[in-house]
Amino acid sequence: MGIVSWIILGLLAGAIAKFLLPGRDPGGLIGTTLIGIAGAFIGGWLSAKFLDRTVQNDFFDLTTWTSAVTGSLVLLVGYRILFGNSRD
């Protein structure tokens, strides 16, 4: 997959992560979107590096989506822990 595919996947993974973890985020929609994109990249890299689950070239591969959504969830939880009380 190319960089544009990873960005699109990250946008969708960020939306899925936001759906799975509803609530107010300090960064709003733009912050959640950027977290989704970063989570897709990090999740794919970690999956390939440590789990020996190479990310396929196919956009609709379950491993690719799982790693992207998991990476987005981890980053979203971390972001909420670090900056969660800024919008109270």
N, C-alpha and C. Protein backbone atom coordinates (compact mmCIF):
# COMPACT_ATOMS: atom_id res chain seq x y z
N MET A 1 0.84 -1.18 0.00
CA MET A 1 0.00 0.00 0.00
C MET A 1 0.88 1.24 0.00
N GLY A 2 0.41 2.25 -0.68
CA GLY A 2 1.14 3.49 -0.72
C GLY A 2 0.79 4.39 0.45
N ILE A 3 1.44 5.53 0.48
CA ILE A 3 1.24 6.47 1.58
C ILE A 3 -0.19 7.00 1.61
N VAL A 4 -0.78 7.21 0.45
CA VAL A 4 -2.16 7.71 0.41
C VAL A 4 -3.13 6.67 0.97
N SER A 5 -2.88 5.41 0.68
CA SER A 5 -3.72 4.35 1.23
C SER A 5 -3.61 4.28 2.74
N TRP A 6 -2.40 4.47 3.27
CA TRP A 6 -2.22 4.47 4.73
C TRP A 6 -2.92 5.66 5.38
N ILE A 7 -2.91 6.80 4.71
CA ILE A 7 -3.61 7.98 5.24
C ILE A 7 -5.11 7.73 5.26
N ILE A 8 -5.65 7.19 4.19
CA ILE A 8 -7.08 6.87 4.15
C ILE A 8 -7.43 5.83 5.20
N LEU A 9 -6.59 4.81 5.31
CA LEU A 9 -6.80 3.79 6.33
C LEU A 9 -6.73 4.40 7.72
N GLY A 10 -5.80 5.32 7.93
CA GLY A 10 -5.68 5.99 9.22
C GLY A 10 -6.90 6.84 9.55
N LEU A 11 -7.45 7.50 8.56
CA LEU A 11 -8.67 8.28 8.78
C LEU A 11 -9.82 7.37 9.21
N LEU A 12 -9.96 6.27 8.52
CA LEU A 12 -11.02 5.32 8.88
C LEU A 12 -10.75 4.64 10.21
N ALA A 13 -9.50 4.29 10.47
CA ALA A 13 -9.15 3.67 11.75
C ALA A 13 -9.37 4.63 12.90
N GLY A 14 -9.09 5.91 12.69
CA GLY A 14 -9.35 6.92 13.71
C GLY A 14 -10.84 7.06 14.00
N ALA A 15 -11.65 6.99 12.95
CA ALA A 15 -13.10 7.05 13.14
C ALA A 15 -13.61 5.83 13.89
N ILE A 16 -13.06 4.67 13.58
CA ILE A 16 -13.46 3.45 14.29
C ILE A 16 -13.02 3.52 15.75
N ALA A 17 -11.80 3.99 15.99
CA ALA A 17 -11.31 4.13 17.37
C ALA A 17 -12.17 5.12 18.14
N LYS A 18 -12.57 6.20 17.51
CA LYS A 18 -13.43 7.19 18.17
C LYS A 18 -14.79 6.58 18.47
N PHE A 19 -15.30 5.74 17.59
CA PHE A 19 -16.58 5.06 17.82
C PHE A 19 -16.47 4.08 18.99
N LEU A 20 -15.33 3.38 19.07
CA LEU A 20 -15.14 2.41 20.15
C LEU A 20 -14.85 3.07 21.49
N LEU A 21 -14.26 4.27 21.46
CA LEU A 21 -13.96 5.03 22.67
C LEU A 21 -14.63 6.40 22.59
N PRO A 22 -15.94 6.44 22.78
CA PRO A 22 -16.62 7.74 22.65
C PRO A 22 -16.26 8.66 23.82
N GLY A 23 -16.49 9.91 23.62
CA GLY A 23 -16.20 10.91 24.64
C GLY A 23 -15.52 12.11 24.03
N ARG A 24 -15.29 13.08 24.88
CA ARG A 24 -14.64 14.31 24.42
C ARG A 24 -13.14 14.13 24.40
N ASP A 25 -12.56 14.50 23.30
CA ASP A 25 -11.11 14.43 23.17
C ASP A 25 -10.55 15.84 23.17
N PRO A 26 -9.36 16.02 23.75
CA PRO A 26 -8.77 17.34 23.82
C PRO A 26 -8.49 17.96 22.46
N GLY A 27 -8.22 17.16 21.45
CA GLY A 27 -7.87 17.69 20.15
C GLY A 27 -9.03 17.82 19.20
N GLY A 28 -10.20 17.35 19.58
CA GLY A 28 -11.37 17.41 18.71
C GLY A 28 -11.23 16.51 17.50
N LEU A 29 -11.93 16.87 16.44
CA LEU A 29 -11.95 16.06 15.22
C LEU A 29 -10.59 15.99 14.54
N ILE A 30 -9.90 17.10 14.47
CA ILE A 30 -8.60 17.13 13.80
C ILE A 30 -7.58 16.30 14.57
N GLY A 31 -7.57 16.44 15.90
CA GLY A 31 -6.64 15.66 16.72
C GLY A 31 -6.90 14.17 16.60
N THR A 32 -8.20 13.79 16.63
CA THR A 32 -8.55 12.38 16.50
C THR A 32 -8.15 11.84 15.12
N THR A 33 -8.31 12.66 14.09
CA THR A 33 -7.92 12.25 12.74
C THR A 33 -6.42 12.03 12.65
N LEU A 34 -5.65 12.95 13.21
CA LEU A 34 -4.19 12.79 13.18
C LEU A 34 -3.74 11.60 14.01
N ILE A 35 -4.42 11.34 15.13
CA ILE A 35 -4.11 10.17 15.94
C ILE A 35 -4.42 8.90 15.15
N GLY A 36 -5.50 8.90 14.39
CA GLY A 36 -5.84 7.74 13.57
C GLY A 36 -4.79 7.46 12.51
N ILE A 37 -4.31 8.49 11.87
CA ILE A 37 -3.28 8.32 10.84
C ILE A 37 -1.99 7.81 11.47
N ALA A 38 -1.57 8.44 12.57
CA ALA A 38 -0.35 8.00 13.25
C ALA A 38 -0.52 6.58 13.79
N GLY A 39 -1.70 6.27 14.32
CA GLY A 39 -1.95 4.93 14.84
C GLY A 39 -1.90 3.87 13.77
N ALA A 40 -2.36 4.19 12.58
CA ALA A 40 -2.28 3.24 11.47
C ALA A 40 -0.83 2.94 11.11
N PHE A 41 -0.02 3.99 11.04
CA PHE A 41 1.39 3.78 10.74
C PHE A 41 2.10 3.00 11.84
N ILE A 42 1.89 3.39 13.08
CA ILE A 42 2.55 2.73 14.20
C ILE A 42 2.06 1.30 14.36
N GLY A 43 0.75 1.10 14.25
CA GLY A 43 0.20 -0.25 14.36
C GLY A 43 0.73 -1.18 13.29
N GLY A 44 0.81 -0.70 12.08
CA GLY A 44 1.36 -1.51 10.99
C GLY A 44 2.83 -1.83 11.19
N TRP A 45 3.58 -0.84 11.65
CA TRP A 45 5.01 -1.06 11.89
C TRP A 45 5.22 -2.05 13.02
N LEU A 46 4.49 -1.88 14.13
CA LEU A 46 4.64 -2.80 15.27
C LEU A 46 4.21 -4.22 14.90
N SER A 47 3.16 -4.33 14.12
CA SER A 47 2.69 -5.64 13.69
C SER A 47 3.76 -6.35 12.86
N ALA A 48 4.38 -5.63 11.96
CA ALA A 48 5.41 -6.23 11.12
C ALA A 48 6.69 -6.49 11.89
N LYS A 49 7.05 -5.59 12.79
CA LYS A 49 8.33 -5.68 13.48
C LYS A 49 8.34 -6.73 14.59
N PHE A 50 7.32 -6.74 15.44
CA PHE A 50 7.37 -7.57 16.64
C PHE A 50 6.49 -8.81 16.58
N LEU A 51 5.45 -8.80 15.79
CA LEU A 51 4.54 -9.94 15.73
C LEU A 51 4.73 -10.81 14.49
N ASP A 52 5.68 -10.43 13.64
CA ASP A 52 5.93 -11.13 12.38
C ASP A 52 4.66 -11.29 11.55
N ARG A 53 3.79 -10.31 11.64
CA ARG A 53 2.56 -10.27 10.84
C ARG A 53 2.73 -9.15 9.83
N THR A 54 3.33 -9.46 8.71
CA THR A 54 3.57 -8.42 7.73
C THR A 54 2.26 -7.86 7.23
N VAL A 55 2.26 -6.57 7.04
CA VAL A 55 1.08 -5.89 6.53
C VAL A 55 1.04 -6.11 5.02
N GLN A 56 -0.06 -6.64 4.57
CA GLN A 56 -0.19 -6.99 3.17
C GLN A 56 -0.34 -5.74 2.30
N ASN A 57 -0.19 -5.93 1.02
CA ASN A 57 -0.38 -4.84 0.07
C ASN A 57 -1.85 -4.61 -0.23
N ASP A 58 -2.71 -5.47 0.26
CA ASP A 58 -4.14 -5.37 0.00
C ASP A 58 -4.78 -4.45 1.04
N PHE A 59 -5.56 -3.48 0.58
CA PHE A 59 -6.21 -2.51 1.47
C PHE A 59 -7.25 -3.17 2.35
N PHE A 60 -7.87 -4.22 1.92
CA PHE A 60 -8.95 -4.86 2.65
C PHE A 60 -8.51 -6.12 3.40
N ASP A 61 -7.27 -6.14 3.83
CA ASP A 61 -6.74 -7.27 4.59
C ASP A 61 -7.08 -7.08 6.07
N LEU A 62 -7.56 -8.14 6.72
CA LEU A 62 -7.98 -8.06 8.12
C LEU A 62 -6.81 -7.70 9.04
N THR A 63 -5.64 -8.23 8.79
CA THR A 63 -4.46 -7.92 9.61
C THR A 63 -4.12 -6.44 9.53
N THR A 64 -4.20 -5.88 8.35
CA THR A 64 -3.91 -4.47 8.17
C THR A 64 -4.89 -3.61 8.97
N TRP A 65 -6.16 -3.92 8.86
CA TRP A 65 -7.18 -3.15 9.58
C TRP A 65 -7.06 -3.31 11.08
N THR A 66 -6.81 -4.53 11.53
CA THR A 66 -6.67 -4.78 12.96
C THR A 66 -5.49 -4.01 13.54
N SER A 67 -4.37 -4.04 12.86
CA SER A 67 -3.21 -3.32 13.36
C SER A 67 -3.43 -1.81 13.34
N ALA A 68 -4.11 -1.29 12.33
CA ALA A 68 -4.36 0.15 12.25
C ALA A 68 -5.32 0.60 13.34
N VAL A 69 -6.40 -0.13 13.55
CA VAL A 69 -7.37 0.25 14.57
C VAL A 69 -6.77 0.10 15.97
N THR A 70 -6.01 -0.97 16.19
CA THR A 70 -5.37 -1.16 17.49
C THR A 70 -4.37 -0.05 17.77
N GLY A 71 -3.58 0.30 16.79
CA GLY A 71 -2.64 1.41 16.97
C GLY A 71 -3.35 2.71 17.26
N SER A 72 -4.46 2.96 16.60
CA SER A 72 -5.24 4.17 16.84
C SER A 72 -5.85 4.18 18.23
N LEU A 73 -6.35 3.02 18.67
CA LEU A 73 -6.91 2.93 20.02
C LEU A 73 -5.84 3.19 21.08
N VAL A 74 -4.67 2.61 20.90
CA VAL A 74 -3.60 2.80 21.88
C VAL A 74 -3.18 4.27 21.94
N LEU A 75 -3.03 4.89 20.80
CA LEU A 75 -2.65 6.30 20.79
C LEU A 75 -3.76 7.19 21.36
N LEU A 76 -5.01 6.86 21.07
CA LEU A 76 -6.11 7.66 21.59
C LEU A 76 -6.20 7.55 23.11
N VAL A 77 -6.01 6.36 23.65
CA VAL A 77 -6.01 6.20 25.11
C VAL A 77 -4.84 6.96 25.73
N GLY A 78 -3.67 6.83 25.12
CA GLY A 78 -2.50 7.56 25.62
C GLY A 78 -2.69 9.07 25.56
N TYR A 79 -3.30 9.54 24.50
CA TYR A 79 -3.56 10.97 24.34
C TYR A 79 -4.54 11.46 25.40
N ARG A 80 -5.56 10.66 25.66
CA ARG A 80 -6.52 11.04 26.70
C ARG A 80 -5.89 11.03 28.08
N ILE A 81 -4.99 10.10 28.33
CA ILE A 81 -4.31 10.06 29.62
C ILE A 81 -3.44 11.30 29.80
N LEU A 82 -2.72 11.68 28.76
CA LEU A 82 -1.81 12.83 28.87
C LEU A 82 -2.53 14.17 28.86
N PHE A 83 -3.55 14.31 28.01
CA PHE A 83 -4.16 15.63 27.80
C PHE A 83 -5.66 15.64 28.04
N GLY A 84 -6.18 14.66 28.71
CA GLY A 84 -7.63 14.48 28.82
C GLY A 84 -8.40 15.53 29.57
N ASN A 85 -7.80 16.24 30.49
CA ASN A 85 -8.55 17.19 31.30
C ASN A 85 -8.49 18.62 30.78
N SER A 86 -7.99 18.83 29.59
CA SER A 86 -7.83 20.19 29.10
C SER A 86 -9.13 20.81 28.59
N ARG A 87 -10.20 20.03 28.39
CA ARG A 87 -11.44 20.59 27.86
C ARG A 87 -12.59 20.45 28.85
N ASP A 88 -12.34 20.38 30.11
CA ASP A 88 -13.42 20.26 31.10
C ASP A 88 -14.11 21.59 31.32
